[in-house]
């Protein structure tokens, strides 16, 4: 008998409408009176192909062997499908445990640990408790862990987290999600997407009574704070003036710029040596980044126009959510050689010339 792994044949077919593809139906459950099928749908978007499923319920009737049971038919979106997949992937291993308790499941493939979906603080706490056992500490003390190994492990874990985060942002944009709170939550968790200069965020958001900033990011080198203002991705960014043949900022962008000017003035007045109740929060000549709108379908002329308008502003940069996505992908690309070779993560310059918009 061959020791080679069994190869599974996968089939992708195009629907009669020609608008999407699908994979063959699988029967999940069937009795003498009812049946439940699952149908996988591959839906093309401008920047990716989404995968969702349809749970189709059927019942037997006198007139037809199988008739669709609409109350038992459910359409799951791409996001819901991924959540269901992660739920099953995460919780099925509990069936192998003999008793109740709290567990941390870490998937290891090809020598790399996949920690996506884990809360870093909880994971570190659990590992700290495990490593507190004297016999484990003694074993580690006698084990030589090379710099290359520790660097490679650190890079693999970080890279997996970043890839998962970028996929989440791409999915939100792809399905047309416009709720500002969704992106607020994402940016709070993944402030590294704004550049290697920012790896953490402040919990502080209120700079004065009535002035709440979306994000305040400490620069890792100097420690001084910069701010991020988030607007909805369905807002316009640039408007074209046919008479003068040039682009200019939309009303939504102009309002956001005015809002940031106020925040920067307040920070200059109240935080140049530390906020009143948070002396550790120092904003000395802070800069602001406004994230607003989409640019996935922009022409080269529009990209050039935004770049020029940004260059002529002082202390404020406008970027779209597609630019934020592209920057996250770029940071991942920069880390890939480091994760593969163990040479350490590449560093990005903080120069404005590195900003493609």
Protein backbone atom coordinates (compact mmCIF):
# COMPACT_ATOMS: atom_id res chain seq x y z
CA UNK A 1 0.00 0.00 0.00
CA UNK A 2 1.29 3.45 -0.86
CA UNK A 3 2.23 5.79 2.00
CA UNK A 4 1.42 8.89 -0.04
CA UNK A 5 -1.52 11.00 1.22
CA UNK A 6 -4.88 10.56 -0.49
CA UNK A 7 -5.70 13.30 -2.97
CA UNK A 8 -9.19 14.80 -2.82
CA UNK A 9 -10.83 15.84 -6.07
CA UNK A 10 -12.47 19.25 -5.88
CA UNK A 11 -15.01 20.47 -8.42
CA UNK A 12 -15.99 24.07 -9.19
CA UNK A 13 -18.87 24.66 -11.59
CA UNK A 14 -20.39 27.81 -13.09
CA UNK A 15 -24.06 28.51 -12.41
CA UNK A 16 -26.47 28.82 -15.33
CA UNK A 17 -26.72 32.58 -14.67
CA UNK A 18 -22.96 32.89 -15.24
CA UNK A 19 -22.72 35.32 -12.29
CA UNK A 20 -21.20 32.91 -9.77
CA UNK A 21 -19.71 29.45 -9.35
CA UNK A 22 -20.66 26.66 -6.97
CA UNK A 23 -19.38 23.40 -5.58
CA UNK A 24 -21.38 20.14 -5.53
CA UNK A 25 -24.10 19.72 -2.91
CA UNK A 26 -23.38 17.60 0.15
CA UNK A 27 -26.17 15.97 2.15
CA UNK A 28 -25.63 16.74 5.84
CA UNK A 29 -28.59 14.82 7.22
CA UNK A 30 -31.42 12.76 5.75
CA UNK A 31 -34.40 10.98 7.30
CA UNK A 32 -37.53 9.44 5.80
CA UNK A 33 -39.31 12.80 6.04
CA UNK A 34 -36.64 15.52 5.82
CA UNK A 35 -33.23 16.32 4.38
CA UNK A 36 -30.58 19.00 4.89
CA UNK A 37 -28.08 19.89 2.15
CA UNK A 38 -25.18 22.33 2.06
CA UNK A 39 -24.29 24.24 -1.12
CA UNK A 40 -21.02 26.17 -1.45
CA UNK A 41 -21.14 29.41 -3.47
CA UNK A 42 -18.13 31.22 -4.97
CA UNK A 43 -19.09 34.86 -5.50
CA UNK A 44 -16.74 37.16 -7.49
CA UNK A 45 -15.97 40.64 -6.11
CA UNK A 46 -13.81 43.39 -7.52
CA UNK A 47 -10.83 42.45 -5.36
CA UNK A 48 -11.44 38.82 -4.35
CA UNK A 49 -13.73 35.79 -4.64
CA UNK A 50 -15.96 35.29 -1.63
CA UNK A 51 -17.10 31.90 -0.35
CA UNK A 52 -20.48 31.45 1.34
CA UNK A 53 -22.79 28.54 1.97
CA UNK A 54 -26.51 27.85 1.74
CA UNK A 55 -28.13 25.34 4.08
CA UNK A 56 -31.10 23.92 2.16
CA UNK A 57 -33.90 22.18 4.01
CA UNK A 58 -36.25 19.74 2.24
CA UNK A 59 -39.36 17.80 3.23
CA UNK A 60 -41.24 14.98 1.59
CA UNK A 61 -44.73 15.68 0.27
CA UNK A 62 -47.37 13.66 -1.54
CA UNK A 63 -46.89 15.65 -4.75
CA UNK A 64 -43.08 15.64 -4.79
CA UNK A 65 -40.38 13.38 -3.35
CA UNK A 66 -38.49 16.40 -2.01
CA UNK A 67 -39.84 19.93 -1.66
CA UNK A 68 -37.82 22.84 -0.28
CA UNK A 69 -38.62 23.62 3.33
CA UNK A 70 -38.09 27.41 3.35
CA UNK A 71 -38.16 27.89 7.16
CA UNK A 72 -35.24 25.45 7.37
CA UNK A 73 -33.24 27.05 4.53
CA UNK A 74 -30.54 29.50 5.62
CA UNK A 75 -28.13 31.64 3.57
CA UNK A 76 -24.85 32.35 5.36
CA UNK A 77 -22.75 35.32 4.24
CA UNK A 78 -19.02 35.00 3.66
CA UNK A 79 -18.31 36.37 7.14
CA UNK A 80 -20.85 34.05 8.78
CA UNK A 81 -19.44 31.07 6.86
CA UNK A 82 -15.92 31.87 8.10
CA UNK A 83 -17.23 32.22 11.67
CA UNK A 84 -18.94 28.82 11.43
CA UNK A 85 -15.78 27.27 10.02
CA UNK A 86 -13.63 28.74 12.79
CA UNK A 87 -16.17 27.66 15.41
CA UNK A 88 -16.08 24.04 14.24
CA UNK A 89 -12.32 24.08 13.73
CA UNK A 90 -11.78 25.45 17.23
CA UNK A 91 -14.30 23.44 19.24
CA UNK A 92 -14.28 19.97 17.62
CA UNK A 93 -10.96 19.06 19.37
CA UNK A 94 -12.79 19.40 22.72
CA UNK A 95 -14.49 16.06 21.94
CA UNK A 96 -11.08 14.44 22.40
CA UNK A 97 -10.77 15.79 25.96
CA UNK A 98 -12.06 13.47 28.72
CA UNK A 99 -13.33 16.21 31.05
CA UNK A 100 -14.52 19.82 31.27
CA UNK A 101 -12.06 22.68 31.65
CA UNK A 102 -10.40 25.61 29.88
CA UNK A 103 -8.19 24.85 26.89
CA UNK A 104 -6.01 26.72 24.40
CA UNK A 105 -5.81 25.12 20.97
CA UNK A 106 -2.68 25.92 18.96
CA UNK A 107 -2.45 24.58 15.43
CA UNK A 108 1.04 23.62 14.29
CA UNK A 109 1.73 22.99 10.60
CA UNK A 110 5.16 22.69 8.97
CA UNK A 111 6.80 23.83 12.16
CA UNK A 112 4.84 27.11 12.43
CA UNK A 113 2.23 27.93 15.06
CA UNK A 114 -1.00 29.55 13.95
CA UNK A 115 -2.20 31.84 16.75
CA UNK A 116 -4.89 33.68 14.78
CA UNK A 117 -8.08 33.99 16.78
CA UNK A 118 -6.29 33.87 20.14
CA UNK A 119 -6.25 36.79 22.55
CA UNK A 120 -2.51 37.53 22.96
CA UNK A 121 -2.90 38.52 26.62
CA UNK A 122 -4.76 35.32 27.52
CA UNK A 123 -2.29 33.20 25.55
CA UNK A 124 0.75 34.76 27.22
CA UNK A 125 -0.91 34.35 30.63
CA UNK A 126 -1.59 30.67 29.99
CA UNK A 127 1.93 30.01 28.70
CA UNK A 128 3.40 31.84 31.69
CA UNK A 129 1.52 29.55 34.07
CA UNK A 130 2.66 26.48 32.13
CA UNK A 131 6.29 27.60 32.16
CA UNK A 132 6.12 28.26 35.89
CA UNK A 133 6.43 24.52 36.56
CA UNK A 134 9.89 23.83 37.91
CA UNK A 135 10.48 20.72 35.80
CA UNK A 136 9.74 22.62 32.58
CA UNK A 137 11.96 25.52 33.58
CA UNK A 138 14.79 23.09 34.33
CA UNK A 139 14.35 21.43 30.93
CA UNK A 140 14.36 24.76 29.10
CA UNK A 141 17.45 25.85 30.98
CA UNK A 142 19.30 22.84 29.62
CA UNK A 143 17.96 23.31 26.07
CA UNK A 144 19.83 25.58 23.70
CA UNK A 145 17.40 27.72 21.72
CA UNK A 146 19.27 29.56 19.01
CA UNK A 147 18.65 33.16 18.13
CA UNK A 148 17.61 32.05 14.66
CA UNK A 149 14.98 29.69 16.08
CA UNK A 150 13.44 32.19 18.46
CA UNK A 151 13.40 34.85 15.75
CA UNK A 152 11.77 32.48 13.26
CA UNK A 153 9.09 31.45 15.77
CA UNK A 154 8.36 35.05 16.62
CA UNK A 155 8.16 35.99 12.94
CA UNK A 156 5.82 33.10 12.07
CA UNK A 157 3.39 33.95 14.84
CA UNK A 158 3.38 37.66 14.00
CA UNK A 159 2.97 36.99 10.29
CA UNK A 160 -0.02 34.70 10.85
CA UNK A 161 -1.77 37.32 13.00
CA UNK A 162 -1.17 40.02 10.40
CA UNK A 163 -2.43 37.88 7.52
CA UNK A 164 -5.60 37.06 9.44
CA UNK A 165 -6.17 40.75 10.20
CA UNK A 166 -5.67 41.83 6.57
CA UNK A 167 -8.08 39.11 5.40
CA UNK A 168 -10.67 40.40 7.86
CA UNK A 169 -10.32 43.99 6.59
CA UNK A 170 -10.49 42.83 2.97
CA UNK A 171 -13.66 40.88 3.72
CA UNK A 172 -15.35 43.86 5.41
CA UNK A 173 -14.57 46.12 2.45
CA UNK A 174 -15.51 43.43 -0.07
CA UNK A 175 -19.00 42.96 1.34
CA UNK A 176 -19.61 46.72 1.43
CA UNK A 177 -19.61 47.09 5.21
CA UNK A 178 -19.99 50.81 6.00
CA UNK A 179 -20.39 50.88 9.79
CA UNK A 180 -17.67 53.08 11.23
CA UNK A 181 -17.59 51.04 14.45
CA UNK A 182 -16.47 47.93 12.53
CA UNK A 183 -13.36 49.71 11.27
CA UNK A 184 -12.83 51.46 14.61
CA UNK A 185 -12.60 48.06 16.29
CA UNK A 186 -10.29 46.70 13.58
CA UNK A 187 -7.90 49.64 13.76
CA UNK A 188 -7.78 49.47 17.56
CA UNK A 189 -6.65 45.84 17.35
CA UNK A 190 -4.26 46.29 14.42
CA UNK A 191 -2.71 49.75 14.68
CA UNK A 192 0.49 48.30 13.14
CA UNK A 193 -1.30 48.72 9.77
CA UNK A 194 -0.54 52.43 9.99
CA UNK A 195 3.17 51.66 9.71
CA UNK A 196 6.05 50.08 11.59
CA UNK A 197 6.38 53.28 13.60
CA UNK A 198 3.20 52.35 15.51
CA UNK A 199 2.80 49.01 17.26
CA UNK A 200 0.50 49.88 20.17
CA UNK A 201 -2.26 52.36 20.89
CA UNK A 202 -3.27 54.42 23.90
CA UNK A 203 -6.39 53.59 25.86
CA UNK A 204 -6.83 57.34 26.31
CA UNK A 205 -9.22 58.91 23.78
CA UNK A 206 -10.60 61.96 25.60
CA UNK A 207 -8.12 64.82 25.27
CA UNK A 208 -10.50 67.41 26.75
CA UNK A 209 -14.13 67.41 27.82
CA UNK A 210 -16.10 66.80 24.63
CA UNK A 211 -13.07 66.00 22.46
CA UNK A 212 -12.68 62.26 21.82
CA UNK A 213 -10.11 61.01 19.33
CA UNK A 214 -10.69 57.76 17.42
CA UNK A 215 -7.10 56.56 17.88
CA UNK A 216 -4.01 57.98 19.54
CA UNK A 217 -0.83 56.17 18.51
CA UNK A 218 2.54 56.52 20.27
CA UNK A 219 5.55 56.60 17.97
CA UNK A 220 7.85 53.73 18.99
CA UNK A 221 11.00 55.82 18.56
CA UNK A 222 10.16 59.12 20.25
CA UNK A 223 7.04 58.09 22.15
CA UNK A 224 5.14 61.20 21.02
CA UNK A 225 1.52 60.74 20.02
CA UNK A 226 -0.10 61.06 16.61
CA UNK A 227 -3.83 60.77 15.97
CA UNK A 228 -6.06 58.86 13.57
CA UNK A 229 -9.57 59.96 12.61
CA UNK A 230 -11.82 57.34 11.01
CA UNK A 231 -14.73 58.08 8.70
CA UNK A 232 -17.01 55.75 6.77
CA UNK A 233 -15.69 53.94 3.68
CA UNK A 234 -18.80 54.90 1.68
CA UNK A 235 -17.93 58.61 1.79
CA UNK A 236 -16.53 60.47 -1.21
CA UNK A 237 -12.91 61.56 -1.10
CA UNK A 238 -12.26 63.53 -4.29
CA UNK A 239 -14.54 65.63 -6.49
CA UNK A 240 -13.62 66.62 -10.04
CA UNK A 241 -13.96 70.27 -11.09
CA UNK A 242 -14.71 70.18 -14.83
CA UNK A 243 -14.31 73.94 -15.22
CA UNK A 244 -10.78 74.03 -13.80
CA UNK A 245 -9.90 70.40 -14.68
CA UNK A 246 -8.68 69.40 -11.25
CA UNK A 247 -9.69 67.31 -8.26
CA UNK A 248 -10.50 68.75 -4.84
CA UNK A 249 -11.50 67.29 -1.47
CA UNK A 250 -15.15 66.43 -0.88
CA UNK A 251 -17.21 68.10 1.83
CA UNK A 252 -16.80 65.03 4.08
CA UNK A 253 -13.01 65.19 3.81
CA UNK A 254 -13.00 68.95 4.39
CA UNK A 255 -15.07 68.51 7.56
CA UNK A 256 -12.70 65.81 8.78
CA UNK A 257 -9.69 68.05 8.08
CA UNK A 258 -11.28 70.84 10.12
CA UNK A 259 -12.02 68.41 12.92
CA UNK A 260 -8.40 67.22 12.97
CA UNK A 261 -7.10 70.79 12.97
CA UNK A 262 -9.06 71.33 16.16
CA UNK A 263 -7.71 68.15 17.73
CA UNK A 264 -4.14 69.08 16.80
CA UNK A 265 -4.57 72.56 18.30
CA UNK A 266 -6.01 71.10 21.51
CA UNK A 267 -3.19 68.57 21.79
CA UNK A 268 -0.63 71.31 21.19
CA UNK A 269 -2.14 73.38 23.99
CA UNK A 270 -2.84 70.62 26.53
CA UNK A 271 -0.49 67.73 25.83
CA UNK A 272 2.87 69.09 24.72
CA UNK A 273 4.16 68.11 28.16
CA UNK A 274 1.55 65.47 28.93
CA UNK A 275 -2.23 65.41 29.35
CA UNK A 276 -3.55 66.67 32.69
CA UNK A 277 -4.65 63.24 33.96
CA UNK A 278 -2.20 61.22 31.84
CA UNK A 279 1.25 62.77 32.00
CA UNK A 280 2.66 59.83 30.06
CA UNK A 281 0.64 60.90 26.98
CA UNK A 282 2.77 63.55 25.29
CA UNK A 283 1.83 64.99 21.90
CA UNK A 284 4.60 67.26 20.66
CA UNK A 285 3.89 68.60 17.17
CA UNK A 286 1.45 65.73 16.49
CA UNK A 287 0.36 64.61 13.03
CA UNK A 288 -3.06 63.35 11.99
CA UNK A 289 -4.16 60.64 9.55
CA UNK A 290 -7.72 60.60 8.21
CA UNK A 291 -9.01 57.30 6.82
CA UNK A 292 -12.07 57.76 4.62
CA UNK A 293 -13.72 56.34 1.49
CA UNK A 294 -12.56 53.77 -1.07
CA UNK A 295 -10.02 53.95 -3.91
CA UNK A 296 -10.04 50.40 -5.34
CA UNK A 297 -11.49 51.67 -8.63
CA UNK A 298 -9.52 54.92 -8.87
CA UNK A 299 -7.65 55.96 -11.97
CA UNK A 300 -3.96 56.87 -11.93
CA UNK A 301 -5.04 60.52 -12.21
CA UNK A 302 -7.04 60.27 -8.98
CA UNK A 303 -4.19 58.60 -7.14
CA UNK A 304 -1.85 61.32 -8.33
CA UNK A 305 -4.31 64.02 -7.29
CA UNK A 306 -4.58 62.69 -3.72
CA UNK A 307 -0.80 62.42 -3.48
CA UNK A 308 -0.45 66.06 -4.58
CA UNK A 309 -3.14 67.33 -2.22
CA UNK A 310 -1.55 65.48 0.69
CA UNK A 311 1.84 66.98 -0.07
CA UNK A 312 0.41 70.46 0.21
CA UNK A 313 -1.14 69.94 3.62
CA UNK A 314 0.79 70.38 6.85
CA UNK A 315 0.50 67.73 9.53
CA UNK A 316 -2.55 65.93 8.08
CA UNK A 317 -2.64 62.99 5.65
CA UNK A 318 -5.70 61.63 3.86
CA UNK A 319 -5.82 57.93 3.00
CA UNK A 320 -8.58 55.56 1.94
CA UNK A 321 -9.43 52.19 3.44
CA UNK A 322 -7.96 50.56 0.33
CA UNK A 323 -4.71 52.40 1.01
CA UNK A 324 -4.81 51.10 4.59
CA UNK A 325 -5.39 47.58 3.26
CA UNK A 326 -2.52 47.95 0.77
CA UNK A 327 -0.21 49.21 3.52
CA UNK A 328 -1.07 46.18 5.68
CA UNK A 329 -0.34 43.87 2.75
CA UNK A 330 2.93 45.69 2.11
CA UNK A 331 4.04 45.22 5.71
CA UNK A 332 3.29 41.50 5.43
CA UNK A 333 5.35 41.30 2.23
CA UNK A 334 8.22 42.97 4.07
CA UNK A 335 8.02 40.37 6.84
CA UNK A 336 7.85 37.29 4.61
CA UNK A 337 11.62 37.08 3.94
CA UNK A 338 12.25 37.60 7.65
CA UNK A 339 9.88 34.79 8.62
CA UNK A 340 11.35 32.45 5.99
CA UNK A 341 15.02 33.10 6.68
CA UNK A 342 15.00 34.03 10.36
CA UNK A 343 16.93 37.18 9.52
CA UNK A 344 14.61 39.38 11.57
CA UNK A 345 11.75 41.59 10.41
CA UNK A 346 12.52 44.20 7.82
CA UNK A 347 12.23 47.79 8.97
CA UNK A 348 10.38 50.48 7.11
CA UNK A 349 11.57 54.02 6.87
CA UNK A 350 9.43 56.65 8.55
CA UNK A 351 9.96 59.06 5.71
CA UNK A 352 6.91 60.56 4.02
CA UNK A 353 8.38 59.26 0.76
CA UNK A 354 7.31 55.75 1.84
CA UNK A 355 3.65 56.77 1.77
CA UNK A 356 2.35 55.89 -1.73
CA UNK A 357 -0.47 58.38 -1.58
